[in-house]
Amino acid sequence: MAASTPAYTATLIAGPYTLDVSLSQNPPFTDQPFEVTVSEHGSNQQLSGQVVAEPGLGTDAVRLQTPLRPLAGSAGKISGWLHLPVRGAWQLVIEVNGPQGQSSAGMDITVGAPGAIPPWLAWLIAATPLVLIAWWVHQQRRYRRRLLAEKETEASVHVQSGTSS
């Protein structure tokens, strides 16, 4: 998923820095790590820093943090992976260090719960009645053809026995 386009991108002001912050999932789900990518808007200068995830109101969780490391193959981009174990409101605080000093900016996110069942299983369950109905219609058509063939055979036998007498 790291090579794909980001699911969400926001531009934040962190003191002297204008940051482009991208999330690999929108919304992120519990128990599924997601990538946070940070770069300075319109610049390739290398920053360093960390992402701090602070639980919002009503979210029973602890503060989490992850360091931001240079992203391989991308000049001026840093990234880190977060794993948020509790659904609800969170604030991501991006703390950066660069040539113009240290600064931070925050953004609110809502972490969702993953689906109760995998999508492929949901489709299988939903399609099963259609398959059964199609099979039943097919069987009814075969039964009708067999009855018509028997009726034609009986009629031809009846016609032949009537002409020979």
Protein backbone atom coordinates (compact mmCIF):
# COMPACT_ATOMS: atom_id res chain seq x y z
CA MET A 1 0.00 0.00 0.00
CA ALA A 2 3.00 2.31 0.47
CA ALA A 3 3.46 2.62 -3.31
CA SER A 4 -0.19 3.59 -3.92
CA THR A 5 -1.62 7.09 -3.75
CA PRO A 6 -2.53 8.37 -0.28
CA ALA A 7 -6.12 8.03 0.89
CA TYR A 8 -6.09 11.44 2.56
CA THR A 9 -3.81 14.48 2.34
CA ALA A 10 -3.92 17.65 4.44
CA THR A 11 -1.80 20.79 4.43
CA LEU A 12 -0.84 21.98 7.92
CA ILE A 13 1.04 25.02 9.19
CA ALA A 14 3.68 24.14 11.78
CA GLY A 15 5.43 27.40 12.70
CA PRO A 16 7.69 28.31 9.76
CA TYR A 17 6.89 25.05 7.91
CA THR A 18 4.00 24.30 5.59
CA LEU A 19 3.56 20.54 5.76
CA ASP A 20 1.79 18.12 3.46
CA VAL A 21 0.58 15.22 5.62
CA SER A 22 -0.73 12.08 3.92
CA LEU A 23 -2.48 9.08 5.45
CA SER A 24 -2.50 5.70 3.71
CA GLN A 25 -6.04 4.94 5.01
CA ASN A 26 -9.03 7.21 5.44
CA PRO A 27 -10.48 6.46 7.88
CA PRO A 28 -7.83 4.35 9.55
CA PHE A 29 -9.15 1.20 11.21
CA THR A 30 -8.31 -0.31 14.57
CA ASP A 31 -5.70 -3.05 14.54
CA GLN A 32 -4.57 -2.11 11.02
CA PRO A 33 -1.34 -0.08 10.84
CA PHE A 34 -1.42 2.93 8.55
CA GLU A 35 1.35 5.11 7.18
CA VAL A 36 1.74 8.82 7.88
CA THR A 37 3.91 10.64 5.31
CA VAL A 38 5.12 14.21 5.88
CA SER A 39 6.90 16.59 3.50
CA GLU A 40 7.45 20.31 3.43
CA HIS A 41 5.18 21.91 0.84
CA GLY A 42 7.14 23.06 -2.20
CA SER A 43 10.53 22.13 -0.74
CA ASN A 44 12.82 19.10 -0.77
CA GLN A 45 14.68 19.90 2.45
CA GLN A 46 15.00 16.99 4.81
CA LEU A 47 13.06 17.21 8.05
CA SER A 48 13.02 14.88 11.04
CA GLY A 49 10.47 14.39 13.76
CA GLN A 50 7.72 12.20 15.12
CA VAL A 51 3.97 11.67 15.05
CA VAL A 52 2.14 11.67 18.37
CA ALA A 53 -1.38 10.20 18.51
CA GLU A 54 -3.38 11.64 21.38
CA PRO A 55 -6.81 10.17 22.19
CA GLY A 56 -9.69 12.64 21.91
CA LEU A 57 -12.63 13.13 24.20
CA GLY A 58 -14.47 9.89 24.87
CA THR A 59 -11.66 7.70 23.52
CA ASP A 60 -10.30 5.47 26.28
CA ALA A 61 -6.70 5.02 25.16
CA VAL A 62 -3.15 6.12 25.88
CA ARG A 63 -0.90 8.50 23.99
CA LEU A 64 1.14 6.80 21.24
CA GLN A 65 4.08 8.02 19.22
CA THR A 66 6.22 6.88 16.34
CA PRO A 67 9.38 8.37 14.83
CA LEU A 68 9.35 9.73 11.30
CA ARG A 69 12.16 8.36 9.14
CA PRO A 70 13.27 9.36 5.64
CA LEU A 71 11.11 7.68 3.00
CA ALA A 72 13.22 5.58 0.64
CA GLY A 73 13.25 6.88 -2.91
CA SER A 74 11.57 10.21 -2.06
CA ALA A 75 13.60 13.33 -1.45
CA GLY A 76 12.39 15.42 1.47
CA LYS A 77 9.69 13.01 2.65
CA ILE A 78 9.56 11.35 6.05
CA SER A 79 7.13 8.68 7.16
CA GLY A 80 6.13 6.45 10.04
CA TRP A 81 3.59 3.75 10.76
CA LEU A 82 0.90 4.08 13.43
CA HIS A 83 -1.20 1.32 14.96
CA LEU A 84 -4.16 2.74 16.86
CA PRO A 85 -5.84 0.04 18.97
CA VAL A 86 -9.02 1.93 19.94
CA ARG A 87 -11.70 3.40 17.69
CA GLY A 88 -12.85 6.93 18.23
CA ALA A 89 -11.52 10.48 18.00
CA TRP A 90 -7.76 11.00 17.88
CA GLN A 91 -5.51 13.97 17.27
CA LEU A 92 -2.31 13.45 15.31
CA VAL A 93 0.38 15.90 16.35
CA ILE A 94 3.18 16.17 13.80
CA GLU A 95 6.39 17.35 15.47
CA VAL A 96 9.13 18.35 13.01
CA ASN A 97 12.73 19.52 13.30
CA GLY A 98 14.41 21.33 10.44
CA PRO A 99 16.76 24.19 9.55
CA GLN A 100 14.29 26.75 10.91
CA GLY A 101 13.89 25.02 14.28
CA GLN A 102 11.35 22.78 15.92
CA SER A 103 7.59 23.11 15.49
CA SER A 104 4.37 21.09 15.56
CA ALA A 105 0.90 20.97 14.03
CA GLY A 106 -2.15 18.86 14.75
CA MET A 107 -4.96 17.26 12.80
CA ASP A 108 -8.05 15.39 13.96
CA ILE A 109 -8.90 11.93 12.69
CA THR A 110 -11.56 9.37 13.53
CA VAL A 111 -10.48 5.75 13.78
CA GLY A 112 -13.14 3.29 12.70
CA ALA A 113 -13.74 -0.35 13.43
CA PRO A 114 -13.16 -2.82 10.61
CA GLY A 115 -16.13 -4.61 9.10
CA ALA A 116 -17.63 -7.50 11.04
CA ILE A 117 -16.92 -9.96 8.22
CA PRO A 118 -14.58 -9.82 5.24
CA PRO A 119 -16.15 -8.39 2.05
CA TRP A 120 -15.60 -11.60 0.07
CA LEU A 121 -17.60 -13.56 2.65
CA ALA A 122 -20.39 -10.97 2.63
CA TRP A 123 -20.65 -11.26 -1.17
CA LEU A 124 -20.66 -15.05 -0.97
CA ILE A 125 -23.51 -15.01 1.55
CA ALA A 126 -25.45 -12.43 -0.49
CA ALA A 127 -25.03 -14.33 -3.79
CA THR A 128 -25.96 -17.77 -2.42
CA PRO A 129 -29.77 -17.29 -2.71
CA LEU A 130 -29.40 -16.09 -6.31
CA VAL A 131 -27.37 -19.17 -7.21
CA LEU A 132 -29.96 -21.43 -5.57
CA ILE A 133 -32.82 -19.71 -7.40
CA ALA A 134 -30.98 -20.03 -10.73
CA TRP A 135 -30.36 -23.74 -10.06
CA TRP A 136 -34.06 -24.26 -9.15
CA VAL A 137 -35.24 -22.50 -12.36
CA HIS A 138 -32.84 -24.64 -14.40
CA GLN A 139 -34.17 -27.82 -12.78
CA GLN A 140 -37.78 -26.75 -13.44
CA ARG A 141 -37.02 -26.13 -17.12
CA ARG A 142 -35.38 -29.57 -17.43
CA TYR A 143 -38.39 -31.19 -15.71
CA ARG A 144 -40.84 -29.36 -18.01
CA ARG A 145 -38.88 -30.42 -21.13
CA ARG A 146 -38.88 -34.03 -19.94
CA LEU A 147 -42.66 -33.93 -19.34
CA LEU A 148 -43.27 -32.41 -22.79
CA ALA A 149 -41.02 -35.03 -24.42
CA GLU A 150 -42.92 -37.83 -22.60
CA LYS A 151 -46.25 -36.32 -23.66
CA GLU A 152 -45.11 -36.13 -27.31
CA THR A 153 -43.85 -39.72 -27.16
CA GLU A 154 -47.14 -40.86 -25.63
CA ALA A 155 -49.13 -38.95 -28.25
CA SER A 156 -47.08 -40.42 -31.13
CA VAL A 157 -47.48 -43.92 -29.67
CA HIS A 158 -51.21 -43.29 -29.30
CA VAL A 159 -51.44 -42.04 -32.89
CA GLN A 160 -49.46 -45.04 -34.21
CA SER A 161 -51.59 -47.53 -32.28
CA GLY A 162 -54.77 -45.87 -33.55
CA THR A 163 -53.70 -46.03 -37.23
CA SER A 164 -52.57 -49.66 -37.12
CA SER A 165 -55.94 -50.93 -35.83
